[in-house]
């Protein structure tokens, strides 16, 4: 998936609503938030990417195991 703000690409896996694994597949130089971090010892977070991931979860584009276990009533 890609960030809706800067277009940086990542692989995403949701183990639960609270647990997200992210693996960057492109560099982060084009990301406004991450490019500000100069201390490489810290693991910075991009709130815009987080928002993009959360939106993809809401749209069903990223599966979440605990949500898939909830039965959906038939209409």
PDB file of N, CA and C in Angstrom:
ATOM      1  N   UNK A   1       0.841  -1.168   0.000  1.00  0.00           N
ATOM      2  CA  UNK A   1       0.000   0.000   0.000  1.00  0.00           C
ATOM      3  C   UNK A   1       0.886   1.230   0.000  1.00  0.00           C
ATOM      4  N   UNK A   2       0.302   2.351  -0.336  1.00  0.00           N
ATOM      5  CA  UNK A   2       1.087   3.585  -0.346  1.00  0.00           C
ATOM      6  C   UNK A   2       0.409   4.651   0.504  1.00  0.00           C
ATOM      7  N   UNK A   3       1.217   5.560   1.018  1.00  0.00           N
ATOM      8  CA  UNK A   3       0.725   6.667   1.826  1.00  0.00           C
ATOM      9  C   UNK A   3      -0.070   7.606   0.928  1.00  0.00           C
ATOM     10  N   UNK A   4      -1.253   7.990   1.387  1.00  0.00           N
ATOM     11  CA  UNK A   4      -2.084   8.882   0.574  1.00  0.00           C
ATOM     12  C   UNK A   4      -1.527  10.298   0.520  1.00  0.00           C
ATOM     13  N   UNK A   5      -0.568  10.612   1.390  1.00  0.00           N
ATOM     14  CA  UNK A   5       0.007  11.955   1.417  1.00  0.00           C
ATOM     15  C   UNK A   5       1.251  12.076   0.535  1.00  0.00           C
ATOM     16  N   UNK A   6       2.231  11.172   0.743  1.00  0.00           N
ATOM     17  CA  UNK A   6       3.496  11.321   0.015  1.00  0.00           C
ATOM     18  C   UNK A   6       3.751  10.224  -1.014  1.00  0.00           C
ATOM     19  N   UNK A   7       2.980   9.135  -0.946  1.00  0.00           N
ATOM     20  CA  UNK A   7       3.153   8.053  -1.906  1.00  0.00           C
ATOM     21  C   UNK A   7       4.197   7.024  -1.529  1.00  0.00           C
ATOM     22  N   UNK A   8       4.851   7.158  -0.365  1.00  0.00           N
ATOM     23  CA  UNK A   8       5.810   6.144   0.069  1.00  0.00           C
ATOM     24  C   UNK A   8       5.101   4.807   0.169  1.00  0.00           C
ATOM     25  N   UNK A   9       5.788   3.741  -0.258  1.00  0.00           N
ATOM     26  CA  UNK A   9       5.168   2.416  -0.280  1.00  0.00           C
ATOM     27  C   UNK A   9       5.638   1.566   0.881  1.00  0.00           C
ATOM     28  N   UNK A  10       4.693   0.808   1.443  1.00  0.00           N
ATOM     29  CA  UNK A  10       4.982  -0.095   2.545  1.00  0.00           C
ATOM     30  C   UNK A  10       4.181  -1.380   2.368  1.00  0.00           C
ATOM     31  N   UNK A  11       4.699  -2.441   2.988  1.00  0.00           N
ATOM     32  CA  UNK A  11       3.926  -3.665   3.153  1.00  0.00           C
ATOM     33  C   UNK A  11       3.317  -3.582   4.542  1.00  0.00           C
ATOM     34  N   UNK A  12       2.062  -3.982   4.687  1.00  0.00           N
ATOM     35  CA  UNK A  12       1.360  -3.866   5.967  1.00  0.00           C
ATOM     36  C   UNK A  12       0.704  -5.188   6.316  1.00  0.00           C
ATOM     37  N   UNK A  13       0.837  -5.574   7.585  1.00  0.00           N
ATOM     38  CA  UNK A  13       0.130  -6.739   8.103  1.00  0.00           C
ATOM     39  C   UNK A  13      -0.469  -6.350   9.443  1.00  0.00           C
ATOM     40  N   UNK A  14      -1.759  -6.582   9.590  1.00  0.00           N
ATOM     41  CA  UNK A  14      -2.430  -6.325  10.857  1.00  0.00           C
ATOM     42  C   UNK A  14      -2.611  -7.657  11.573  1.00  0.00           C
ATOM     43  N   UNK A  15      -2.030  -7.798  12.766  1.00  0.00           N
ATOM     44  CA  UNK A  15      -2.242  -8.987  13.588  1.00  0.00           C
ATOM     45  C   UNK A  15      -3.451  -8.807  14.491  1.00  0.00           C
ATOM     46  N   UNK A  16      -3.789  -7.555  14.768  1.00  0.00           N
ATOM     47  CA  UNK A  16      -4.974  -7.179  15.533  1.00  0.00           C
ATOM     48  C   UNK A  16      -5.222  -5.708  15.246  1.00  0.00           C
ATOM     49  N   UNK A  17      -6.307  -5.159  15.802  1.00  0.00           N
ATOM     50  CA  UNK A  17      -6.546  -3.734  15.590  1.00  0.00           C
ATOM     51  C   UNK A  17      -5.418  -2.891  16.169  1.00  0.00           C
ATOM     52  N   UNK A  18      -4.826  -3.353  17.267  1.00  0.00           N
ATOM     53  CA  UNK A  18      -3.780  -2.578  17.932  1.00  0.00           C
ATOM     54  C   UNK A  18      -2.381  -2.866  17.404  1.00  0.00           C
ATOM     55  N   UNK A  19      -2.180  -3.982  16.695  1.00  0.00           N
ATOM     56  CA  UNK A  19      -0.828  -4.392  16.288  1.00  0.00           C
ATOM     57  C   UNK A  19      -0.682  -4.354  14.774  1.00  0.00           C
ATOM     58  N   UNK A  20       0.208  -3.480  14.308  1.00  0.00           N
ATOM     59  CA  UNK A  20       0.449  -3.315  12.875  1.00  0.00           C
ATOM     60  C   UNK A  20       1.921  -3.506  12.578  1.00  0.00           C
ATOM     61  N   UNK A  21       2.226  -4.353  11.608  1.00  0.00           N
ATOM     62  CA  UNK A  21       3.598  -4.525  11.131  1.00  0.00           C
ATOM     63  C   UNK A  21       3.736  -3.750   9.829  1.00  0.00           C
ATOM     64  N   UNK A  22       4.791  -2.938   9.738  1.00  0.00           N
ATOM     65  CA  UNK A  22       5.034  -2.137   8.541  1.00  0.00           C
ATOM     66  C   UNK A  22       6.450  -2.387   8.063  1.00  0.00           C
ATOM     67  N   UNK A  23       6.607  -2.677   6.788  1.00  0.00           N
ATOM     68  CA  UNK A  23       7.923  -2.828   6.171  1.00  0.00           C
ATOM     69  C   UNK A  23       7.986  -1.867   4.996  1.00  0.00           C
ATOM     70  N   UNK A  24       8.947  -0.948   5.068  1.00  0.00           N
ATOM     71  CA  UNK A  24       9.089   0.047   4.013  1.00  0.00           C
ATOM     72  C   UNK A  24       9.669  -0.596   2.774  1.00  0.00           C
ATOM     73  N   UNK A  25       9.100  -0.292   1.616  1.00  0.00           N
ATOM     74  CA  UNK A  25       9.615  -0.807   0.345  1.00  0.00           C
ATOM     75  C   UNK A  25      10.214   0.301  -0.514  1.00  0.00           C
ATOM     76  N   UNK A  26      10.076   1.550  -0.065  1.00  0.00           N
ATOM     77  CA  UNK A  26      10.701   2.688  -0.741  1.00  0.00           C
ATOM     78  C   UNK A  26      11.424   3.513   0.319  1.00  0.00           C
ATOM     79  N   UNK A  27      12.286   4.410  -0.121  1.00  0.00           N
ATOM     80  CA  UNK A  27      12.947   5.270   0.862  1.00  0.00           C
ATOM     81  C   UNK A  27      11.936   6.265   1.423  1.00  0.00           C
ATOM     82  N   UNK A  28      12.303   6.914   2.512  1.00  0.00           N
ATOM     83  CA  UNK A  28      11.367   7.813   3.200  1.00  0.00           C
ATOM     84  C   UNK A  28      11.702   9.283   2.979  1.00  0.00           C
ATOM     85  N   UNK A  29      12.575   9.578   2.016  1.00  0.00           N
ATOM     86  CA  UNK A  29      12.989  10.963   1.788  1.00  0.00           C
ATOM     87  C   UNK A  29      11.834  11.865   1.357  1.00  0.00           C
ATOM     88  N   UNK A  30      10.843  11.309   0.661  1.00  0.00           N
ATOM     89  CA  UNK A  30       9.730  12.137   0.203  1.00  0.00           C
ATOM     90  C   UNK A  30       8.688  12.358   1.297  1.00  0.00           C
ATOM     91  N   UNK A  31       8.801  11.649   2.415  1.00  0.00           N
ATOM     92  CA  UNK A  31       7.858  11.805   3.520  1.00  0.00           C
ATOM     93  C   UNK A  31       8.236  13.031   4.351  1.00  0.00           C
ATOM     94  N   UNK A  32       7.307  13.966   4.462  1.00  0.00           N
ATOM     95  CA  UNK A  32       7.557  15.214   5.191  1.00  0.00           C
ATOM     96  C   UNK A  32       7.868  14.935   6.661  1.00  0.00           C
ATOM     97  N   UNK A  33       7.097  14.055   7.281  1.00  0.00           N
ATOM     98  CA  UNK A  33       7.291  13.773   8.708  1.00  0.00           C
ATOM     99  C   UNK A  33       8.593  13.026   8.984  1.00  0.00           C
ATOM    100  N   UNK A  34       8.874  11.982   8.206  1.00  0.00           N
ATOM    101  CA  UNK A  34      10.060  11.177   8.469  1.00  0.00           C
ATOM    102  C   UNK A  34      11.353  11.877   8.064  1.00  0.00           C
ATOM    103  N   UNK A  35      11.300  12.741   7.068  1.00  0.00           N
ATOM    104  CA  UNK A  35      12.514  13.427   6.627  1.00  0.00           C
ATOM    105  C   UNK A  35      13.011  14.426   7.678  1.00  0.00           C
ATOM    106  N   UNK A  36      12.163  14.803   8.630  1.00  0.00           N
ATOM    107  CA  UNK A  36      12.572  15.723   9.700  1.00  0.00           C
ATOM    108  C   UNK A  36      13.431  15.055  10.761  1.00  0.00           C
ATOM    109  N   UNK A  37      13.363  13.720  10.854  1.00  0.00           N
ATOM    110  CA  UNK A  37      14.101  12.997  11.889  1.00  0.00           C
ATOM    111  C   UNK A  37      15.550  12.783  11.454  1.00  0.00           C
ATOM    112  N   UNK A  38      16.462  13.304  12.235  1.00  0.00           N
ATOM    113  CA  UNK A  38      17.878  13.135  11.920  1.00  0.00           C
ATOM    114  C   UNK A  38      18.532  12.082  12.802  1.00  0.00           C
ATOM    115  N   UNK A  39      17.917  11.749  13.941  1.00  0.00           N
ATOM    116  CA  UNK A  39      18.458  10.738  14.845  1.00  0.00           C
ATOM    117  C   UNK A  39      17.975   9.369  14.389  1.00  0.00           C
ATOM    118  N   UNK A  40      18.825   8.635  13.698  1.00  0.00           N
ATOM    119  CA  UNK A  40      18.462   7.319  13.161  1.00  0.00           C
ATOM    120  C   UNK A  40      18.342   6.266  14.261  1.00  0.00           C
ATOM    121  N   UNK A  41      18.717   6.601  15.517  1.00  0.00           N
ATOM    122  CA  UNK A  41      18.576   5.671  16.628  1.00  0.00           C
ATOM    123  C   UNK A  41      17.130   5.532  17.070  1.00  0.00           C
ATOM    124  N   UNK A  42      16.331   6.530  16.738  1.00  0.00           N
ATOM    125  CA  UNK A  42      14.915   6.483  17.078  1.00  0.00           C
ATOM    126  C   UNK A  42      14.126   5.876  15.919  1.00  0.00           C
ATOM    127  N   UNK A  43      12.992   5.300  16.227  1.00  0.00           N
ATOM    128  CA  UNK A  43      12.113   4.784  15.184  1.00  0.00           C
ATOM    129  C   UNK A  43      10.978   5.780  15.033  1.00  0.00           C
ATOM    130  N   UNK A  44      11.064   6.652  14.048  1.00  0.00           N
ATOM    131  CA  UNK A  44      10.028   7.681  13.875  1.00  0.00           C
ATOM    132  C   UNK A  44       8.726   7.083  13.337  1.00  0.00           C
ATOM    133  N   UNK A  45       7.668   7.801  13.549  1.00  0.00           N
ATOM    134  CA  UNK A  45       6.357   7.390  13.067  1.00  0.00           C
ATOM    135  C   UNK A  45       5.779   8.482  12.188  1.00  0.00           C
ATOM    136  N   UNK A  46       5.144   8.084  11.121  1.00  0.00           N
ATOM    137  CA  UNK A  46       4.469   9.031  10.246  1.00  0.00           C
ATOM    138  C   UNK A  46       2.967   8.926  10.506  1.00  0.00           C
ATOM    139  N   UNK A  47       2.384   9.977  11.042  1.00  0.00           N
ATOM    140  CA  UNK A  47       0.955   9.953  11.347  1.00  0.00           C
ATOM    141  C   UNK A  47       0.115   9.902  10.072  1.00  0.00           C
ATOM    142  N   UNK A  48       0.622  10.449   8.986  1.00  0.00           N
ATOM    143  CA  UNK A  48      -0.117  10.422   7.721  1.00  0.00           C
ATOM    144  C   UNK A  48      -0.189   9.004   7.169  1.00  0.00           C
ATOM    145  N   UNK A  49       0.909   8.255   7.284  1.00  0.00           N
ATOM    146  CA  UNK A  49       0.900   6.859   6.854  1.00  0.00           C
ATOM    147  C   UNK A  49      -0.034   6.055   7.756  1.00  0.00           C
ATOM    148  N   UNK A  50       0.023   6.299   9.058  1.00  0.00           N
ATOM    149  CA  UNK A  50      -0.869   5.602   9.992  1.00  0.00           C
ATOM    150  C   UNK A  50      -2.332   5.846   9.615  1.00  0.00           C
ATOM    151  N   UNK A  51      -2.663   7.090   9.279  1.00  0.00           N
ATOM    152  CA  UNK A  51      -4.029   7.411   8.862  1.00  0.00           C
ATOM    153  C   UNK A  51      -4.404   6.667   7.576  1.00  0.00           C
ATOM    154  N   UNK A  52      -3.457   6.551   6.643  1.00  0.00           N
ATOM    155  CA  UNK A  52      -3.707   5.825   5.396  1.00  0.00           C
ATOM    156  C   UNK A  52      -3.970   4.348   5.676  1.00  0.00           C
ATOM    157  N   UNK A  53      -3.202   3.766   6.597  1.00  0.00           N
ATOM    158  CA  UNK A  53      -3.390   2.359   6.960  1.00  0.00           C
ATOM    159  C   UNK A  53      -4.746   2.167   7.634  1.00  0.00           C
ATOM    160  N   UNK A  54      -5.084   3.040   8.570  1.00  0.00           N
ATOM    161  CA  UNK A  54      -6.374   2.926   9.262  1.00  0.00           C
ATOM    162  C   UNK A  54      -7.544   3.060   8.289  1.00  0.00           C
ATOM    163  N   UNK A  55      -7.412   3.926   7.311  1.00  0.00           N
ATOM    164  CA  UNK A  55      -8.461   4.076   6.302  1.00  0.00           C
ATOM    165  C   UNK A  55      -8.576   2.803   5.462  1.00  0.00           C
ATOM    166  N   UNK A  56      -7.445   2.203   5.107  1.00  0.00           N
ATOM    167  CA  UNK A  56      -7.467   0.957   4.335  1.00  0.00           C
ATOM    168  C   UNK A  56      -8.116  -0.170   5.137  1.00  0.00           C
ATOM    169  N   UNK A  57      -7.904  -0.191   6.445  1.00  0.00           N
ATOM    170  CA  UNK A  57      -8.561  -1.181   7.300  1.00  0.00           C
ATOM    171  C   UNK A  57     -10.074  -0.959   7.284  1.00  0.00           C
ATOM    172  N   UNK A  58     -10.492   0.292   7.431  1.00  0.00           N
ATOM    173  CA  UNK A  58     -11.937   0.612   7.414  1.00  0.00           C
ATOM    174  C   UNK A  58     -12.591   0.194   6.096  1.00  0.00           C
ATOM    175  N   UNK A  59     -11.856   0.343   5.001  1.00  0.00           N
ATOM    176  CA  UNK A  59     -12.387  -0.012   3.682  1.00  0.00           C
ATOM    177  C   UNK A  59     -12.307  -1.510   3.392  1.00  0.00           C
ATOM    178  N   UNK A  60     -11.636  -2.261   4.284  1.00  0.00           N
ATOM    179  CA  UNK A  60     -11.494  -3.699   4.101  1.00  0.00           C
ATOM    180  C   UNK A  60     -10.337  -4.101   3.216  1.00  0.00           C
ATOM    181  N   UNK A  61      -9.484  -3.149   2.841  1.00  0.00           N
ATOM    182  CA  UNK A  61      -8.343  -3.447   1.968  1.00  0.00           C
ATOM    183  C   UNK A  61      -7.214  -4.149   2.716  1.00  0.00           C
ATOM    184  N   UNK A  62      -7.156  -3.975   4.037  1.00  0.00           N
ATOM    185  CA  UNK A  62      -6.171  -4.661   4.871  1.00  0.00           C
ATOM    186  C   UNK A  62      -6.957  -5.505   5.873  1.00  0.00           C
ATOM    187  N   UNK A  63      -6.832  -6.828   5.787  1.00  0.00           N
ATOM    188  CA  UNK A  63      -7.592  -7.675   6.699  1.00  0.00           C
ATOM    189  C   UNK A  63      -7.042  -7.628   8.124  1.00  0.00           C
ATOM    190  N   UNK A  64      -7.958  -7.757   9.088  1.00  0.00           N
ATOM    191  CA  UNK A  64      -7.606  -7.817  10.502  1.00  0.00           C
ATOM    192  C   UNK A  64      -8.221  -9.105  11.047  1.00  0.00           C
ATOM    193  N   UNK A  65      -7.384 -10.073  11.483  1.00  0.00           N
ATOM    194  CA  UNK A  65      -7.900 -11.374  11.912  1.00  0.00           C
ATOM    195  C   UNK A  65      -9.039 -11.295  12.928  1.00  0.00           C
ATOM    196  N   UNK A  66      -8.945 -10.427  13.924  1.00  0.00           N
ATOM    197  CA  UNK A  66      -9.998 -10.387  14.943  1.00  0.00           C
ATOM    198  C   UNK A  66     -11.315  -9.862  14.385  1.00  0.00           C
ATOM    199  N   UNK A  67     -11.263  -9.046  13.340  1.00  0.00           N
ATOM    200  CA  UNK A  67     -12.497  -8.570  12.708  1.00  0.00           C
ATOM    201  C   UNK A  67     -13.111  -9.647  11.820  1.00  0.00           C
ATOM    202  N   UNK A  68     -12.260 -10.469  11.213  1.00  0.00           N
ATOM    203  CA  UNK A  68     -12.753 -11.535  10.347  1.00  0.00           C
ATOM    204  C   UNK A  68     -13.467 -12.612  11.157  1.00  0.00           C
ATOM    205  N   UNK A  69     -13.171 -12.719  12.441  1.00  0.00           N
ATOM    206  CA  UNK A  69     -13.785 -13.726  13.303  1.00  0.00           C
ATOM    207  C   UNK A  69     -15.180 -13.322  13.772  1.00  0.00           C
ATOM    208  N   UNK A  70     -15.550 -12.068  13.591  1.00  0.00           N
ATOM    209  CA  UNK A  70     -16.854 -11.590  14.022  1.00  0.00           C
ATOM    210  C   UNK A  70     -17.894 -11.977  12.965  1.00  0.00           C
ATOM    211  N   UNK A  71     -18.928 -12.736  13.372  1.00  0.00           N
ATOM    212  CA  UNK A  71     -19.938 -13.120  12.379  1.00  0.00           C
ATOM    213  C   UNK A  71     -20.745 -11.911  11.910  1.00  0.00           C
ATOM    214  N   UNK A  72     -21.025 -11.879  10.630  1.00  0.00           N
ATOM    215  CA  UNK A  72     -21.808 -10.787  10.054  1.00  0.00           C
ATOM    216  C   UNK A  72     -23.227 -11.307   9.860  1.00  0.00           C
ATOM    217  N   UNK A  73     -24.209 -10.635  10.474  1.00  0.00           N
ATOM    218  CA  UNK A  73     -25.593 -11.107  10.306  1.00  0.00           C
ATOM    219  C   UNK A  73     -26.065 -10.930   8.867  1.00  0.00           C
ATOM    220  N   UNK A  74     -26.830 -11.904   8.409  1.00  0.00           N
ATOM    221  CA  UNK A  74     -27.370 -11.803   7.051  1.00  0.00           C
ATOM    222  C   UNK A  74     -28.583 -10.910   7.048  1.00  0.00           C
ATOM    223  N   UNK A  75     -28.731 -10.151   6.004  1.00  0.00           N
ATOM    224  CA  UNK A  75     -29.869  -9.239   5.891  1.00  0.00           C
ATOM    225  C   UNK A  75     -31.048  -9.900   5.240  1.00  0.00           C
TER     226      UNK A  75
END
